[in-house]
All heavy atoms as atom14 arrays in JSON, in Angstrom:
{
  "sequence": "GGDFSLGDYLLWNEIPTIIGNIVGGLTFVGLTVYATHARTGPSR",
  "atom14_mask": [
    [1, 1, 1, 1, 0, 0, 0, 0, 0, 0, 0, 0, 0, 0],
    [1, 1, 1, 1, 0, 0, 0, 0, 0, 0, 0, 0, 0, 0],
    [1, 1, 1, 1, 1, 1, 1, 1, 0, 0, 0, 0, 0, 0],
    [1, 1, 1, 1, 1, 1, 1, 1, 1, 1, 1, 0, 0, 0],
    [1, 1, 1, 1, 1, 1, 0, 0, 0, 0, 0, 0, 0, 0],
    [1, 1, 1, 1, 1, 1, 1, 1, 0, 0, 0, 0, 0, 0],
    [1, 1, 1, 1, 0, 0, 0, 0, 0, 0, 0, 0, 0, 0],
    [1, 1, 1, 1, 1, 1, 1, 1, 0, 0, 0, 0, 0, 0],
    [1, 1, 1, 1, 1, 1, 1, 1, 1, 1, 1, 1, 0, 0],
    [1, 1, 1, 1, 1, 1, 1, 1, 0, 0, 0, 0, 0, 0],
    [1, 1, 1, 1, 1, 1, 1, 1, 0, 0, 0, 0, 0, 0],
    [1, 1, 1, 1, 1, 1, 1, 1, 1, 1, 1, 1, 1, 1],
    [1, 1, 1, 1, 1, 1, 1, 1, 0, 0, 0, 0, 0, 0],
    [1, 1, 1, 1, 1, 1, 1, 1, 1, 0, 0, 0, 0, 0],
    [1, 1, 1, 1, 1, 1, 1, 1, 0, 0, 0, 0, 0, 0],
    [1, 1, 1, 1, 1, 1, 1, 0, 0, 0, 0, 0, 0, 0],
    [1, 1, 1, 1, 1, 1, 1, 0, 0, 0, 0, 0, 0, 0],
    [1, 1, 1, 1, 1, 1, 1, 1, 0, 0, 0, 0, 0, 0],
    [1, 1, 1, 1, 1, 1, 1, 1, 0, 0, 0, 0, 0, 0],
    [1, 1, 1, 1, 0, 0, 0, 0, 0, 0, 0, 0, 0, 0],
    [1, 1, 1, 1, 1, 1, 1, 1, 0, 0, 0, 0, 0, 0],
    [1, 1, 1, 1, 1, 1, 1, 1, 0, 0, 0, 0, 0, 0],
    [1, 1, 1, 1, 1, 1, 1, 0, 0, 0, 0, 0, 0, 0],
    [1, 1, 1, 1, 0, 0, 0, 0, 0, 0, 0, 0, 0, 0],
    [1, 1, 1, 1, 0, 0, 0, 0, 0, 0, 0, 0, 0, 0],
    [1, 1, 1, 1, 1, 1, 1, 1, 0, 0, 0, 0, 0, 0],
    [1, 1, 1, 1, 1, 1, 1, 0, 0, 0, 0, 0, 0, 0],
    [1, 1, 1, 1, 1, 1, 1, 1, 1, 1, 1, 0, 0, 0],
    [1, 1, 1, 1, 1, 1, 1, 0, 0, 0, 0, 0, 0, 0],
    [1, 1, 1, 1, 0, 0, 0, 0, 0, 0, 0, 0, 0, 0],
    [1, 1, 1, 1, 1, 1, 1, 1, 0, 0, 0, 0, 0, 0],
    [1, 1, 1, 1, 1, 1, 1, 0, 0, 0, 0, 0, 0, 0],
    [1, 1, 1, 1, 1, 1, 1, 0, 0, 0, 0, 0, 0, 0],
    [1, 1, 1, 1, 1, 1, 1, 1, 1, 1, 1, 1, 0, 0],
    [1, 1, 1, 1, 1, 0, 0, 0, 0, 0, 0, 0, 0, 0],
    [1, 1, 1, 1, 1, 1, 1, 0, 0, 0, 0, 0, 0, 0],
    [1, 1, 1, 1, 1, 1, 1, 1, 1, 1, 0, 0, 0, 0],
    [1, 1, 1, 1, 1, 0, 0, 0, 0, 0, 0, 0, 0, 0],
    [1, 1, 1, 1, 1, 1, 1, 1, 1, 1, 1, 0, 0, 0],
    [1, 1, 1, 1, 1, 1, 1, 0, 0, 0, 0, 0, 0, 0],
    [1, 1, 1, 1, 0, 0, 0, 0, 0, 0, 0, 0, 0, 0],
    [1, 1, 1, 1, 1, 1, 1, 0, 0, 0, 0, 0, 0, 0],
    [1, 1, 1, 1, 1, 1, 0, 0, 0, 0, 0, 0, 0, 0],
    [1, 1, 1, 1, 1, 1, 1, 1, 1, 1, 1, 0, 0, 0]
  ],
  "atom14_positions": [
    [[0.77, -1.23, -0.01], [0.0, 0.01, 0.0], [0.79, 1.26, 0.02], [0.27, 2.33, 0.33], [0.0, 0.0, 0.0], [0.0, 0.0, 0.0], [0.0, 0.0, 0.0], [0.0, 0.0, 0.0], [0.0, 0.0, 0.0], [0.0, 0.0, 0.0], [0.0, 0.0, 0.0], [0.0, 0.0, 0.0], [0.0, 0.0, 0.0], [0.0, 0.0, 0.0]],
    [[2.06, 1.21, -0.37], [2.89, 2.43, -0.45], [2.35, 3.37, -1.5], [1.86, 2.92, -2.57], [0.0, 0.0, 0.0], [0.0, 0.0, 0.0], [0.0, 0.0, 0.0], [0.0, 0.0, 0.0], [0.0, 0.0, 0.0], [0.0, 0.0, 0.0], [0.0, 0.0, 0.0], [0.0, 0.0, 0.0], [0.0, 0.0, 0.0], [0.0, 0.0, 0.0]],
    [[2.4, 4.69, -1.2], [1.78, 5.68, -2.09], [2.82, 6.16, -3.15], [3.24, 7.29, -3.14], [1.3, 6.86, -1.29], [0.45, 7.84, -2.12], [0.02, 7.42, -3.21], [0.25, 8.99, -1.68], [0.0, 0.0, 0.0], [0.0, 0.0, 0.0], [0.0, 0.0, 0.0], [0.0, 0.0, 0.0], [0.0, 0.0, 0.0], [0.0, 0.0, 0.0]],
    [[3.2, 5.22, -4.03], [4.06, 5.56, -5.17], [3.79, 4.51, -6.26], [3.17, 3.49, -5.97], [5.52, 5.55, -4.74], [6.06, 4.21, -4.28], [6.8, 3.41, -5.13], [5.81, 3.79, -2.99], [7.28, 2.18, -4.7], [6.28, 2.54, -2.53], [7.0, 1.74, -3.38], [0.0, 0.0, 0.0], [0.0, 0.0, 0.0], [0.0, 0.0, 0.0]],
    [[4.26, 4.78, -7.44], [3.98, 3.88, -8.56], [5.23, 3.12, -9.04], [6.35, 3.44, -8.59], [3.42, 4.69, -9.79], [4.47, 5.55, -10.28], [0.0, 0.0, 0.0], [0.0, 0.0, 0.0], [0.0, 0.0, 0.0], [0.0, 0.0, 0.0], [0.0, 0.0, 0.0], [0.0, 0.0, 0.0], [0.0, 0.0, 0.0], [0.0, 0.0, 0.0]],
    [[5.02, 2.18, -9.92], [6.11, 1.44, -10.49], [7.04, 2.4, -11.24], [8.27, 2.28, -11.19], [5.6, 0.34, -11.42], [6.65, -0.51, -12.15], [7.56, -1.25, -11.16], [5.98, -1.49, -13.09], [0.0, 0.0, 0.0], [0.0, 0.0, 0.0], [0.0, 0.0, 0.0], [0.0, 0.0, 0.0], [0.0, 0.0, 0.0], [0.0, 0.0, 0.0]],
    [[6.42, 3.37, -11.95], [7.23, 4.35, -12.69], [8.1, 5.2, -11.73], [9.2, 5.5, -12.04], [0.0, 0.0, 0.0], [0.0, 0.0, 0.0], [0.0, 0.0, 0.0], [0.0, 0.0, 0.0], [0.0, 0.0, 0.0], [0.0, 0.0, 0.0], [0.0, 0.0, 0.0], [0.0, 0.0, 0.0], [0.0, 0.0, 0.0], [0.0, 0.0, 0.0]],
    [[7.48, 5.56, -10.57], [8.24, 6.32, -9.56], [9.47, 5.51, -9.13], [10.56, 6.05, -9.02], [7.37, 6.62, -8.35], [6.26, 7.63, -8.62], [6.46, 8.47, -9.5], [5.22, 7.52, -7.98], [0.0, 0.0, 0.0], [0.0, 0.0, 0.0], [0.0, 0.0, 0.0], [0.0, 0.0, 0.0], [0.0, 0.0, 0.0], [0.0, 0.0, 0.0]],
    [[9.22, 4.23, -8.89], [10.3, 3.37, -8.43], [11.45, 3.27, -9.44], [12.61, 3.43, -9.09], [9.77, 1.98, -8.13], [10.79, 0.86, -8.12], [11.93, 0.93, -7.29], [10.62, -0.26, -8.92], [12.87, -0.08, -7.29], [11.57, -1.3, -8.91], [12.66, -1.18, -8.09], [13.6, -2.21, -8.11], [0.0, 0.0, 0.0], [0.0, 0.0, 0.0]],
    [[11.09, 3.11, -10.73], [12.14, 2.97, -11.77], [12.86, 4.26, -12.01], [14.09, 4.31, -12.07], [11.5, 2.44, -13.06], [10.94, 1.0, -12.98], [10.22, 0.64, -14.3], [12.04, -0.02, -12.68], [0.0, 0.0, 0.0], [0.0, 0.0, 0.0], [0.0, 0.0, 0.0], [0.0, 0.0, 0.0], [0.0, 0.0, 0.0], [0.0, 0.0, 0.0]],
    [[12.07, 5.36, -12.17], [12.68, 6.64, -12.56], [13.35, 7.32, -11.39], [14.46, 7.89, -11.52], [11.61, 7.56, -13.16], [12.11, 8.95, -13.54], [13.18, 8.87, -14.62], [10.9, 9.8, -14.03], [0.0, 0.0, 0.0], [0.0, 0.0, 0.0], [0.0, 0.0, 0.0], [0.0, 0.0, 0.0], [0.0, 0.0, 0.0], [0.0, 0.0, 0.0]],
    [[12.7, 7.29, -10.21], [13.22, 7.99, -9.07], [13.9, 7.14, -8.04], [14.07, 7.54, -6.9], [12.08, 8.8, -8.42], [11.71, 9.97, -9.25], [10.66, 10.09, -10.1], [12.45, 11.2, -9.37], [10.68, 11.3, -10.73], [11.76, 12.03, -10.29], [13.6, 11.72, -8.76], [12.18, 13.31, -10.63], [14.04, 12.98, -9.08], [13.32, 13.78, -10.03]],
    [[14.33, 5.92, -8.45], [15.17, 5.16, -7.58], [16.05, 4.15, -8.32], [17.27, 4.34, -8.41], [14.39, 4.45, -6.48], [15.35, 4.02, -5.39], [16.05, 3.02, -5.56], [15.4, 4.71, -4.28], [0.0, 0.0, 0.0], [0.0, 0.0, 0.0], [0.0, 0.0, 0.0], [0.0, 0.0, 0.0], [0.0, 0.0, 0.0], [0.0, 0.0, 0.0]],
    [[15.41, 3.12, -8.91], [16.25, 2.01, -9.4], [17.26, 2.38, -10.46], [18.42, 2.03, -10.41], [15.31, 0.88, -9.89], [16.07, -0.45, -10.13], [16.66, -1.04, -8.83], [15.99, -1.02, -7.78], [17.77, -1.56, -8.91], [0.0, 0.0, 0.0], [0.0, 0.0, 0.0], [0.0, 0.0, 0.0], [0.0, 0.0, 0.0], [0.0, 0.0, 0.0]],
    [[16.83, 3.09, -11.49], [17.7, 3.4, -12.61], [18.85, 4.32, -12.18], [20.03, 4.03, -12.46], [16.9, 3.98, -13.81], [15.99, 2.92, -14.38], [17.87, 4.49, -14.9], [15.01, 3.4, -15.43], [0.0, 0.0, 0.0], [0.0, 0.0, 0.0], [0.0, 0.0, 0.0], [0.0, 0.0, 0.0], [0.0, 0.0, 0.0], [0.0, 0.0, 0.0]],
    [[18.58, 5.46, -11.52], [19.7, 6.27, -11.05], [20.58, 5.57, -10.04], [21.82, 5.79, -10.02], [18.98, 7.49, -10.41], [17.63, 7.5, -11.0], [17.28, 6.1, -11.24], [0.0, 0.0, 0.0], [0.0, 0.0, 0.0], [0.0, 0.0, 0.0], [0.0, 0.0, 0.0], [0.0, 0.0, 0.0], [0.0, 0.0, 0.0], [0.0, 0.0, 0.0]],
    [[19.99, 4.71, -9.22], [20.76, 3.96, -8.25], [21.77, 3.03, -8.93], [22.92, 2.92, -8.55], [19.87, 3.21, -7.28], [19.1, 4.1, -6.53], [20.69, 2.31, -6.35], [0.0, 0.0, 0.0], [0.0, 0.0, 0.0], [0.0, 0.0, 0.0], [0.0, 0.0, 0.0], [0.0, 0.0, 0.0], [0.0, 0.0, 0.0], [0.0, 0.0, 0.0]],
    [[21.32, 2.34, -9.98], [22.17, 1.42, -10.7], [23.35, 2.19, -11.32], [24.52, 1.75, -11.23], [21.36, 0.7, -11.8], [20.42, -0.34, -11.2], [22.33, -0.02, -12.79], [19.48, -0.95, -12.17], [0.0, 0.0, 0.0], [0.0, 0.0, 0.0], [0.0, 0.0, 0.0], [0.0, 0.0, 0.0], [0.0, 0.0, 0.0], [0.0, 0.0, 0.0]],
    [[23.03, 3.34, -11.94], [24.11, 4.14, -12.51], [25.1, 4.59, -11.45], [26.34, 4.5, -11.61], [23.53, 5.36, -13.29], [22.66, 4.88, -14.44], [24.62, 6.27, -13.77], [21.85, 5.97, -15.08], [0.0, 0.0, 0.0], [0.0, 0.0, 0.0], [0.0, 0.0, 0.0], [0.0, 0.0, 0.0], [0.0, 0.0, 0.0], [0.0, 0.0, 0.0]],
    [[24.6, 5.03, -10.31], [25.47, 5.45, -9.22], [26.29, 4.3, -8.67], [27.47, 4.43, -8.38], [0.0, 0.0, 0.0], [0.0, 0.0, 0.0], [0.0, 0.0, 0.0], [0.0, 0.0, 0.0], [0.0, 0.0, 0.0], [0.0, 0.0, 0.0], [0.0, 0.0, 0.0], [0.0, 0.0, 0.0], [0.0, 0.0, 0.0], [0.0, 0.0, 0.0]],
    [[25.67, 3.13, -8.56], [26.38, 1.95, -8.08], [27.55, 1.59, -9.04], [28.64, 1.19, -8.58], [25.43, 0.74, -7.95], [24.49, 0.81, -6.78], [23.56, 0.03, -6.67], [24.68, 1.81, -5.9], [0.0, 0.0, 0.0], [0.0, 0.0, 0.0], [0.0, 0.0, 0.0], [0.0, 0.0, 0.0], [0.0, 0.0, 0.0], [0.0, 0.0, 0.0]],
    [[27.3, 1.65, -10.34], [28.37, 1.36, -11.31], [29.51, 2.35, -11.13], [30.69, 1.95, -11.05], [27.84, 1.41, -12.75], [26.83, 0.28, -13.01], [29.0, 1.34, -13.73], [26.09, 0.39, -14.33], [0.0, 0.0, 0.0], [0.0, 0.0, 0.0], [0.0, 0.0, 0.0], [0.0, 0.0, 0.0], [0.0, 0.0, 0.0], [0.0, 0.0, 0.0]],
    [[29.2, 3.65, -11.09], [30.25, 4.64, -10.95], [31.01, 4.48, -9.62], [32.24, 4.55, -9.58], [29.59, 6.07, -11.04], [30.62, 7.13, -10.72], [29.04, 6.28, -12.43], [0.0, 0.0, 0.0], [0.0, 0.0, 0.0], [0.0, 0.0, 0.0], [0.0, 0.0, 0.0], [0.0, 0.0, 0.0], [0.0, 0.0, 0.0], [0.0, 0.0, 0.0]],
    [[30.29, 4.29, -8.53], [30.94, 4.16, -7.22], [31.82, 2.98, -7.09], [32.99, 3.08, -6.64], [0.0, 0.0, 0.0], [0.0, 0.0, 0.0], [0.0, 0.0, 0.0], [0.0, 0.0, 0.0], [0.0, 0.0, 0.0], [0.0, 0.0, 0.0], [0.0, 0.0, 0.0], [0.0, 0.0, 0.0], [0.0, 0.0, 0.0], [0.0, 0.0, 0.0]],
    [[31.39, 1.82, -7.53], [32.17, 0.62, -7.44], [33.41, 0.63, -8.3], [34.5, 0.28, -7.89], [0.0, 0.0, 0.0], [0.0, 0.0, 0.0], [0.0, 0.0, 0.0], [0.0, 0.0, 0.0], [0.0, 0.0, 0.0], [0.0, 0.0, 0.0], [0.0, 0.0, 0.0], [0.0, 0.0, 0.0], [0.0, 0.0, 0.0], [0.0, 0.0, 0.0]],
    [[33.22, 1.1, -9.52], [34.37, 1.17, -10.45], [35.36, 2.29, -10.09], [36.59, 2.04, -10.01], [33.86, 1.41, -11.89], [33.6, 0.17, -12.74], [33.06, 0.6, -14.12], [34.88, -0.62, -12.92], [0.0, 0.0, 0.0], [0.0, 0.0, 0.0], [0.0, 0.0, 0.0], [0.0, 0.0, 0.0], [0.0, 0.0, 0.0], [0.0, 0.0, 0.0]],
    [[34.88, 3.47, -9.82], [35.75, 4.6, -9.63], [36.56, 4.52, -8.33], [37.77, 4.71, -8.28], [34.92, 5.89, -9.6], [34.21, 6.0, -10.85], [35.84, 7.1, -9.49], [0.0, 0.0, 0.0], [0.0, 0.0, 0.0], [0.0, 0.0, 0.0], [0.0, 0.0, 0.0], [0.0, 0.0, 0.0], [0.0, 0.0, 0.0], [0.0, 0.0, 0.0]],
    [[35.85, 4.21, -7.23], [36.46, 4.31, -5.92], [37.04, 2.99, -5.41], [37.76, 2.98, -4.39], [35.49, 4.85, -4.89], [35.09, 6.27, -5.14], [33.9, 6.63, -5.71], [36.02, 7.3, -4.84], [33.57, 7.95, -5.95], [35.7, 8.63, -5.08], [34.45, 8.95, -5.64], [0.0, 0.0, 0.0], [0.0, 0.0, 0.0], [0.0, 0.0, 0.0]],
    [[36.74, 1.89, -6.09], [37.26, 0.57, -5.63], [37.98, -0.13, -6.76], [39.21, -0.33, -6.7], [36.13, -0.3, -5.06], [36.72, -1.61, -4.51], [35.37, 0.42, -3.98], [0.0, 0.0, 0.0], [0.0, 0.0, 0.0], [0.0, 0.0, 0.0], [0.0, 0.0, 0.0], [0.0, 0.0, 0.0], [0.0, 0.0, 0.0], [0.0, 0.0, 0.0]],
    [[37.26, -0.56, -7.79], [37.87, -1.42, -8.81], [39.05, -0.79, -9.53], [40.15, -1.33, -9.5], [0.0, 0.0, 0.0], [0.0, 0.0, 0.0], [0.0, 0.0, 0.0], [0.0, 0.0, 0.0], [0.0, 0.0, 0.0], [0.0, 0.0, 0.0], [0.0, 0.0, 0.0], [0.0, 0.0, 0.0], [0.0, 0.0, 0.0], [0.0, 0.0, 0.0]],
    [[38.82, 0.34, -10.16], [39.9, 0.97, -10.93], [40.98, 1.52, -10.03], [42.17, 1.53, -10.42], [39.31, 2.1, -11.79], [38.36, 1.68, -12.92], [37.84, 2.88, -13.66], [39.05, 0.73, -13.88], [0.0, 0.0, 0.0], [0.0, 0.0, 0.0], [0.0, 0.0, 0.0], [0.0, 0.0, 0.0], [0.0, 0.0, 0.0], [0.0, 0.0, 0.0]],
    [[40.64, 1.96, -8.85], [41.66, 2.5, -7.91], [42.62, 1.39, -7.5], [43.83, 1.57, -7.57], [40.97, 3.1, -6.66], [40.02, 4.06, -7.09], [41.99, 3.71, -5.77], [0.0, 0.0, 0.0], [0.0, 0.0, 0.0], [0.0, 0.0, 0.0], [0.0, 0.0, 0.0], [0.0, 0.0, 0.0], [0.0, 0.0, 0.0], [0.0, 0.0, 0.0]],
    [[42.05, 0.25, -7.06], [42.91, -0.86, -6.65], [43.73, -1.37, -7.83], [44.91, -1.66, -7.72], [42.08, -1.98, -6.01], [42.95, -3.21, -5.72], [41.46, -1.47, -4.72], [0.0, 0.0, 0.0], [0.0, 0.0, 0.0], [0.0, 0.0, 0.0], [0.0, 0.0, 0.0], [0.0, 0.0, 0.0], [0.0, 0.0, 0.0], [0.0, 0.0, 0.0]],
    [[43.06, -1.5, -8.98], [43.76, -2.04, -10.16], [44.93, -1.13, -10.57], [46.01, -1.61, -10.88], [42.76, -2.11, -11.35], [43.33, -2.68, -12.61], [43.43, -4.05, -12.8], [43.78, -1.81, -13.6], [43.93, -4.56, -13.99], [44.33, -2.34, -14.76], [44.39, -3.71, -14.97], [44.92, -4.21, -16.14], [0.0, 0.0, 0.0], [0.0, 0.0, 0.0]],
    [[44.67, 0.17, -10.59], [45.69, 1.12, -11.06], [46.91, 1.14, -10.19], [48.04, 1.23, -10.69], [45.11, 2.52, -11.21], [0.0, 0.0, 0.0], [0.0, 0.0, 0.0], [0.0, 0.0, 0.0], [0.0, 0.0, 0.0], [0.0, 0.0, 0.0], [0.0, 0.0, 0.0], [0.0, 0.0, 0.0], [0.0, 0.0, 0.0], [0.0, 0.0, 0.0]],
    [[46.72, 1.06, -8.88], [47.87, 1.24, -7.98], [48.48, -0.05, -7.44], [49.61, -0.05, -7.01], [47.49, 2.17, -6.78], [48.66, 2.54, -6.13], [46.55, 1.46, -5.83], [0.0, 0.0, 0.0], [0.0, 0.0, 0.0], [0.0, 0.0, 0.0], [0.0, 0.0, 0.0], [0.0, 0.0, 0.0], [0.0, 0.0, 0.0], [0.0, 0.0, 0.0]],
    [[47.71, -1.17, -7.48], [48.23, -2.42, -6.96], [48.44, -3.49, -8.01], [49.39, -4.3, -7.92], [47.33, -2.95, -5.85], [47.32, -2.1, -4.61], [48.49, -1.77, -3.98], [46.3, -1.5, -3.95], [48.19, -1.04, -2.89], [46.88, -0.82, -2.87], [0.0, 0.0, 0.0], [0.0, 0.0, 0.0], [0.0, 0.0, 0.0], [0.0, 0.0, 0.0]],
    [[47.58, -3.53, -9.05], [47.79, -4.5, -10.1], [48.73, -3.98, -11.21], [49.45, -4.7, -11.84], [46.44, -4.92, -10.71], [0.0, 0.0, 0.0], [0.0, 0.0, 0.0], [0.0, 0.0, 0.0], [0.0, 0.0, 0.0], [0.0, 0.0, 0.0], [0.0, 0.0, 0.0], [0.0, 0.0, 0.0], [0.0, 0.0, 0.0], [0.0, 0.0, 0.0]],
    [[48.62, -2.66, -11.46], [49.45, -2.04, -12.47], [50.22, -0.85, -11.82], [50.09, 0.29, -12.2], [48.58, -1.49, -13.6], [47.98, -2.62, -14.46], [49.04, -3.39, -15.23], [48.47, -4.55, -15.9], [48.41, -5.79, -15.44], [48.87, -6.02, -14.21], [47.91, -6.77, -16.1], [0.0, 0.0, 0.0], [0.0, 0.0, 0.0], [0.0, 0.0, 0.0]],
    [[51.04, -1.23, -10.8], [51.75, -0.23, -10.06], [52.73, 0.6, -10.9], [53.41, -0.01, -11.78], [52.57, -0.91, -8.91], [51.67, -1.73, -8.19], [53.22, 0.11, -7.98], [0.0, 0.0, 0.0], [0.0, 0.0, 0.0], [0.0, 0.0, 0.0], [0.0, 0.0, 0.0], [0.0, 0.0, 0.0], [0.0, 0.0, 0.0], [0.0, 0.0, 0.0]],
    [[52.76, 1.88, -10.73], [53.68, 2.72, -11.52], [55.11, 2.48, -11.12], [55.4, 1.98, -10.06], [0.0, 0.0, 0.0], [0.0, 0.0, 0.0], [0.0, 0.0, 0.0], [0.0, 0.0, 0.0], [0.0, 0.0, 0.0], [0.0, 0.0, 0.0], [0.0, 0.0, 0.0], [0.0, 0.0, 0.0], [0.0, 0.0, 0.0], [0.0, 0.0, 0.0]],
    [[56.05, 2.8, -12.05], [57.45, 2.59, -11.75], [57.93, 3.45, -10.58], [57.46, 4.58, -10.42], [58.16, 3.03, -13.04], [57.17, 3.96, -13.72], [55.82, 3.45, -13.36], [0.0, 0.0, 0.0], [0.0, 0.0, 0.0], [0.0, 0.0, 0.0], [0.0, 0.0, 0.0], [0.0, 0.0, 0.0], [0.0, 0.0, 0.0], [0.0, 0.0, 0.0]],
    [[58.82, 2.9, -9.77], [59.33, 3.63, -8.62], [60.24, 4.76, -9.09], [60.87, 4.7, -10.13], [60.13, 2.7, -7.69], [59.33, 1.64, -7.23], [0.0, 0.0, 0.0], [0.0, 0.0, 0.0], [0.0, 0.0, 0.0], [0.0, 0.0, 0.0], [0.0, 0.0, 0.0], [0.0, 0.0, 0.0], [0.0, 0.0, 0.0], [0.0, 0.0, 0.0]],
    [[60.24, 5.83, -8.36], [61.12, 6.93, -8.64], [62.57, 6.55, -8.35], [62.86, 5.79, -7.41], [60.76, 8.18, -7.79], [59.37, 8.69, -8.06], [59.0, 9.82, -7.16], [59.92, 10.95, -7.32], [60.08, 11.95, -6.49], [59.35, 11.95, -5.35], [60.91, 12.97, -6.76], [0.0, 0.0, 0.0], [0.0, 0.0, 0.0], [0.0, 0.0, 0.0]]
  ]
}
């Protein structure tokens, strides 16, 4: 009995959340760890 629609759920939650989840996981975890620990830059 929640006062919202399926369209509200998709547009105002699920779709933007998925995009945010992709950006957050890749940017702050996956690519960060990969760049500095799997493909470590040459030492000075």
